[in-house]
Every structure is written in C-alpha cells, then in structure tokens.
Amino acid sequence: MQCGAPQSPSTNPKQIEKKHTAKLVIHKDNNYIAPDLEVELKLNTMTLGEKLSNIQQEFKAKKSRYNSFGKYNFRSAEDILEGLKPFNKKYKVHFVIDEVYNCESSLPVIVSHARIVDNESNERIGATAIVGVDLQQKGMQTPQAFGSASSYGKKYALGNLLLIDDTADADATNTHGGSGAPKAKAPAKKDDSFKQSIDYLKSTPDANKGAVLQMILDKHGNKFTDKQVEALRKFV
C-alpha cells in the first residue's frame, strides 16, 4: 500500500458532463430561457384563433350514447363539454353556450350560440346552430321536446365551432371487435326525409329559412337529387 495524498474516486467524464449540463433554449434576443418558460411565452403570444386551431386538432371526445334504431354510437353535447375541460387550463380559455328562443311562427326555433373566450383578453370566437322544436313528435311531452331540441342545438353549435363532423362517423359501421362478416340486410325502409324537409321549411319563419335549409342540407343533402335540392331552395 502506497503512502501519499488520498486519491479521489474515479469518475466518468461523460457522467460529469451529463450531470452538469442543463437543456436551455436560446430565444431570438439571445437570452437563455428554461424550456418550461419557453412554453409559457409561446402560449402568451398565441392569438385566440391559434388556440382554437390547436384545440380543433387535439380535441377528442368519447361517444357515450347509443342509438338503438340506427345501431351506432354518437357524442352528446355533454360528451363534448367534458372533453373540452382539459383545454381550459392548457390554453387559458373557457367555453360558453347560450340560447335564444324564437316563437314568431307555429314552429318554435332555438338558436344556440357556442363561444370560446380568451381568459386574459376576453376575445371571443363563436358559432351558431338553429334547431326547430317539434311539438307534434309522438311520445314526447312539451318539456322533453324543448330539452331534446336544446341538446341538439348545443351539440351542433359546438360541432361548428370545433369542426366536428358526425355525419362521417366510423362508429355507424363499426363492428366493435366482431368478425366483420356481412349480415343479412333488413328490407329498406322508405326515406321520407325530403317530404319532412319541405314541411319543415313551410313552417319556418322567412327570416330563418336560409339557416334551416343549410342545416337540412348538412344532415340529409347526400340523400337528395339535384332536382330535390333545387326544389328546397325555392322556399328560401
């Protein structure tokens, strides 16, 4: 055993470098900024339109409701609102829905407005949906008819704001883990959506017919021929 000054334990230069190296971000003015602060700075410089664009791309909402008649899953307004909650804190925004009731004709109409609001600037971006209340629908009392129309309007106002398209819904044909083997088709039922659309437009106030027609075409337009679409446009 040799005498002398005690030797320091051997160290790996790479370990020292790794231990003392911190990841920094160089900002445009040549200042060093920690990564978490860089994220905060980017968020503070984003416009509300940029925040909404990010949310539209990142948004996912489960489809908790099941349509036993059409045999497919779908989103409700509550599903969409629940899916939006994480973005409130992330982007410093909140979402607001309000409704206006119009009873100028025999067919009551609910106009739903969905808005995203910037918590700091109070800037707002909104979208609208117009829904008629069918008081003659079988099996529904008046409060149920209004509640159903209200939920429908909220869902489609939010869908317009967030660019959600439920018309091209894979769940409508999803086998949900099944073999995917084709099943015998039931006899096709007569589609009376064109006739219902005409009746709907006839009972709609003139001021709202344009918006109602657009809603009809968004939902059923792929079923109509060019002549049928032209016939519907004559009501506007």
Protein backbone atom coordinates (compact mmCIF):
# COMPACT_ATOMS: atom_id res chain seq x y z
CA MET A 1 0.00 0.00 0.00
CA GLN A 2 1.48 3.34 -1.05
CA CYS A 3 1.52 6.39 1.20
CA GLY A 4 0.59 9.83 -0.02
CA ALA A 5 -2.37 12.05 -0.70
CA PRO A 6 -5.64 10.16 -0.93
CA GLN A 7 -6.83 9.70 -4.46
CA SER A 8 -10.33 10.80 -5.43
CA PRO A 9 -12.59 8.05 -6.72
CA SER A 10 -12.51 7.59 -10.46
CA THR A 11 -15.21 9.46 -12.33
CA ASN A 12 -16.53 9.17 -15.82
CA PRO A 13 -16.17 12.47 -17.74
CA LYS A 14 -19.42 11.73 -19.57
CA GLN A 15 -21.27 11.38 -16.26
CA ILE A 16 -19.91 14.76 -15.11
CA GLU A 17 -20.97 16.35 -18.37
CA LYS A 18 -24.41 14.78 -18.16
CA LYS A 19 -24.82 15.76 -14.54
CA HIS A 20 -23.96 19.43 -15.02
CA THR A 21 -25.49 20.02 -18.43
CA ALA A 22 -28.92 21.68 -18.41
CA LYS A 23 -31.05 21.98 -21.50
CA LEU A 24 -31.64 25.64 -22.28
CA VAL A 25 -33.49 27.34 -25.09
CA ILE A 26 -31.95 30.30 -26.94
CA HIS A 27 -34.59 32.92 -27.57
CA LYS A 28 -34.47 35.27 -30.56
CA ASP A 29 -32.91 38.04 -28.46
CA ASN A 30 -30.07 35.66 -27.43
CA ASN A 31 -31.35 35.24 -23.88
CA TYR A 32 -31.29 31.79 -22.29
CA ILE A 33 -34.73 30.57 -21.24
CA ALA A 34 -35.72 27.37 -19.45
CA PRO A 35 -37.94 25.06 -21.55
CA ASP A 36 -40.99 25.42 -19.31
CA LEU A 37 -40.75 29.20 -19.56
CA GLU A 38 -40.46 28.92 -23.33
CA VAL A 39 -43.80 27.07 -23.44
CA GLU A 40 -45.38 29.76 -21.27
CA LEU A 41 -44.04 32.52 -23.54
CA LYS A 42 -45.41 30.79 -26.65
CA LEU A 43 -48.83 30.45 -25.00
CA ASN A 44 -48.87 34.12 -24.04
CA THR A 45 -48.15 35.19 -27.63
CA MET A 46 -50.79 32.96 -29.24
CA THR A 47 -53.90 34.59 -30.66
CA LEU A 48 -57.30 33.15 -29.79
CA GLY A 49 -57.58 31.89 -33.35
CA GLU A 50 -54.33 29.95 -32.96
CA LYS A 51 -55.52 28.47 -29.65
CA LEU A 52 -58.81 27.41 -31.24
CA SER A 53 -56.94 25.86 -34.19
CA ASN A 54 -54.82 23.78 -31.79
CA ILE A 55 -57.89 22.68 -29.83
CA GLN A 56 -59.67 21.66 -33.04
CA GLN A 57 -56.73 19.40 -33.90
CA GLU A 58 -56.19 17.98 -30.40
CA PHE A 59 -59.81 17.57 -29.32
CA LYS A 60 -61.12 14.06 -28.70
CA ALA A 61 -64.48 13.20 -27.17
CA LYS A 62 -65.88 9.80 -26.36
CA LYS A 63 -69.19 8.68 -27.81
CA SER A 64 -71.11 7.61 -24.72
CA ARG A 65 -74.59 7.45 -26.27
CA TYR A 66 -76.01 4.58 -28.34
CA ASN A 67 -78.69 4.87 -30.98
CA SER A 68 -80.55 1.55 -30.85
CA PHE A 69 -82.53 2.36 -34.00
CA GLY A 70 -79.52 3.20 -36.18
CA LYS A 71 -77.24 0.93 -34.11
CA TYR A 72 -74.34 3.36 -33.74
CA ASN A 73 -72.60 5.34 -31.01
CA PHE A 74 -72.64 9.12 -31.00
CA ARG A 75 -71.47 12.10 -28.98
CA SER A 76 -73.78 14.23 -26.88
CA ALA A 77 -73.29 17.90 -26.01
CA GLU A 78 -72.26 16.75 -22.52
CA ASP A 79 -69.54 14.49 -24.02
CA ILE A 80 -68.13 17.43 -25.99
CA LEU A 81 -68.16 19.78 -23.00
CA GLU A 82 -66.46 17.15 -20.82
CA GLY A 83 -63.79 16.65 -23.49
CA LEU A 84 -63.10 20.39 -23.61
CA LYS A 85 -62.33 20.80 -19.90
CA PRO A 86 -58.58 19.95 -20.12
CA PHE A 87 -58.09 22.75 -22.66
CA ASN A 88 -59.44 25.41 -20.28
CA LYS A 89 -56.26 25.35 -18.20
CA LYS A 90 -53.87 24.44 -21.00
CA TYR A 91 -54.79 27.37 -23.25
CA LYS A 92 -56.27 29.76 -20.66
CA VAL A 93 -59.70 29.81 -22.29
CA HIS A 94 -63.25 28.84 -21.40
CA PHE A 95 -66.34 27.89 -23.38
CA VAL A 96 -69.81 29.42 -23.17
CA ILE A 97 -73.14 28.32 -24.67
CA ASP A 98 -76.29 30.43 -24.68
CA GLU A 99 -79.66 30.08 -26.39
CA VAL A 100 -82.29 32.37 -27.85
CA TYR A 101 -85.89 31.21 -28.20
CA ASN A 102 -87.90 32.39 -31.22
CA CYS A 103 -91.65 31.75 -31.25
CA GLU A 104 -92.76 34.01 -34.10
CA SER A 105 -94.30 31.09 -36.03
CA SER A 106 -96.15 27.87 -35.35
CA LEU A 107 -92.77 26.09 -35.20
CA PRO A 108 -90.69 27.29 -32.24
CA VAL A 109 -86.99 27.73 -33.01
CA ILE A 110 -83.99 27.60 -30.65
CA VAL A 111 -80.84 29.42 -31.76
CA SER A 112 -77.75 28.09 -29.92
CA HIS A 113 -74.50 30.06 -29.74
CA ALA A 114 -71.22 28.36 -28.73
CA ARG A 115 -68.20 30.55 -27.98
CA ILE A 116 -64.57 30.17 -26.95
CA VAL A 117 -63.40 33.05 -24.73
CA ASP A 118 -59.79 34.07 -24.01
CA ASN A 119 -59.43 34.43 -20.23
CA GLU A 120 -56.92 37.29 -20.50
CA SER A 121 -58.06 39.37 -23.47
CA ASN A 122 -61.78 38.43 -23.31
CA GLU A 123 -61.65 37.99 -27.09
CA ARG A 124 -64.35 35.64 -28.41
CA ILE A 125 -64.94 33.39 -31.39
CA GLY A 126 -68.36 31.81 -31.86
CA ALA A 127 -70.54 29.54 -33.97
CA THR A 128 -74.31 29.13 -34.24
CA ALA A 129 -76.85 26.35 -34.79
CA ILE A 130 -80.60 26.73 -35.41
CA VAL A 131 -82.98 23.95 -34.38
CA GLY A 132 -86.76 23.72 -34.65
CA VAL A 133 -88.82 22.29 -31.79
CA ASP A 134 -91.20 19.59 -32.99
CA LEU A 135 -94.14 19.82 -30.60
CA GLN A 136 -96.03 17.12 -32.54
CA GLN A 137 -93.41 14.41 -32.08
CA LYS A 138 -95.01 11.25 -30.77
CA GLY A 139 -94.11 10.05 -27.31
CA MET A 140 -92.72 13.41 -26.18
CA GLN A 141 -94.25 15.95 -23.86
CA THR A 142 -93.51 19.65 -24.41
CA PRO A 143 -90.61 19.87 -21.89
CA GLN A 144 -88.99 16.81 -23.47
CA ALA A 145 -89.32 18.27 -26.97
CA PHE A 146 -87.66 21.52 -25.89
CA GLY A 147 -84.96 19.67 -23.97
CA SER A 148 -84.17 17.44 -26.94
CA ALA A 149 -84.00 20.40 -29.33
CA SER A 150 -81.83 22.33 -26.87
CA SER A 151 -79.33 19.46 -26.56
CA TYR A 152 -79.29 19.01 -30.33
CA GLY A 153 -78.63 22.72 -30.88
CA LYS A 154 -75.82 22.85 -28.31
CA LYS A 155 -74.16 19.81 -29.86
CA TYR A 156 -74.20 21.23 -33.38
CA ALA A 157 -73.13 24.73 -32.30
CA LEU A 158 -70.12 23.15 -30.56
CA GLY A 159 -69.57 20.94 -33.60
CA ASN A 160 -69.49 24.01 -35.85
CA LEU A 161 -67.02 25.73 -33.52
CA LEU A 162 -64.71 22.72 -33.17
CA LEU A 163 -65.13 21.38 -36.74
CA ILE A 164 -66.60 18.07 -35.53
CA ASP A 165 -68.28 16.15 -38.34
CA ASP A 166 -70.60 13.44 -37.02
CA THR A 167 -72.06 12.78 -40.46
CA ALA A 168 -68.94 10.79 -41.44
CA ASP A 169 -68.92 8.68 -38.32
CA ALA A 170 -67.00 5.42 -38.45
CA ASP A 171 -68.97 4.13 -35.49
CA ALA A 172 -72.04 3.86 -37.68
CA THR A 173 -70.43 0.85 -39.41
CA ASN A 174 -68.02 -0.25 -36.66
CA THR A 175 -68.12 -3.98 -35.91
CA HIS A 176 -66.69 -3.29 -32.40
CA GLY A 177 -64.29 -6.19 -32.45
CA GLY A 178 -66.57 -8.57 -34.35
CA SER A 179 -65.59 -10.63 -37.34
CA GLY A 180 -66.91 -8.03 -39.74
CA ALA A 181 -68.78 -10.68 -41.71
CA PRO A 182 -71.67 -9.16 -43.67
CA LYS A 183 -75.08 -9.68 -42.15
CA ALA A 184 -78.36 -10.11 -43.94
CA LYS A 185 -79.84 -6.71 -44.63
CA ALA A 186 -83.32 -5.87 -43.47
CA PRO A 187 -85.72 -4.61 -46.13
CA ALA A 188 -85.00 -0.96 -46.89
CA LYS A 189 -87.45 1.46 -45.33
CA LYS A 190 -88.90 4.31 -47.28
CA ASP A 191 -86.93 7.52 -46.77
CA ASP A 192 -89.33 10.43 -46.27
CA SER A 193 -86.65 12.97 -45.28
CA PHE A 194 -87.39 15.04 -48.43
CA LYS A 195 -91.07 15.40 -47.58
CA GLN A 196 -90.25 16.17 -43.93
CA SER A 197 -87.78 18.83 -45.08
CA ILE A 198 -90.46 20.52 -47.19
CA ASP A 199 -92.90 20.52 -44.26
CA TYR A 200 -90.17 21.87 -42.00
CA LEU A 201 -89.33 24.74 -44.37
CA LYS A 202 -93.00 25.62 -44.87
CA SER A 203 -93.48 26.11 -41.13
CA THR A 204 -90.23 28.06 -40.63
CA PRO A 205 -90.29 31.89 -40.47
CA ASP A 206 -88.92 33.51 -43.65
CA ALA A 207 -86.05 35.10 -41.73
CA ASN A 208 -84.80 31.69 -40.60
CA LYS A 209 -85.41 29.63 -43.73
CA GLY A 210 -81.92 30.11 -45.13
CA ALA A 211 -80.24 28.79 -41.98
CA VAL A 212 -82.74 25.94 -41.63
CA LEU A 213 -82.20 24.91 -45.26
CA GLN A 214 -78.45 24.79 -44.68
CA MET A 215 -78.99 22.61 -41.61
CA ILE A 216 -81.19 20.25 -43.67
CA LEU A 217 -78.63 20.01 -46.47
CA ASP A 218 -75.82 19.36 -43.98
CA LYS A 219 -77.76 16.47 -42.49
CA HIS A 220 -79.61 14.97 -45.48
CA GLY A 221 -78.06 16.59 -48.57
CA ASN A 222 -76.28 13.41 -49.65
CA LYS A 223 -79.69 11.69 -49.93
CA PHE A 224 -81.27 14.27 -52.23
CA THR A 225 -81.05 14.54 -56.00
CA ASP A 226 -80.12 17.83 -57.68
CA LYS A 227 -83.80 18.39 -58.53
CA GLN A 228 -84.83 17.86 -54.90
CA VAL A 229 -82.19 20.30 -53.65
CA GLU A 230 -83.37 22.85 -56.22
CA ALA A 231 -86.97 22.36 -55.07
CA LEU A 232 -85.97 23.00 -51.44
CA ARG A 233 -84.07 26.18 -52.38
CA LYS A 234 -87.26 27.66 -53.84
CA PHE A 235 -88.63 28.01 -50.28
CA VAL A 236 -85.82 30.42 -49.34
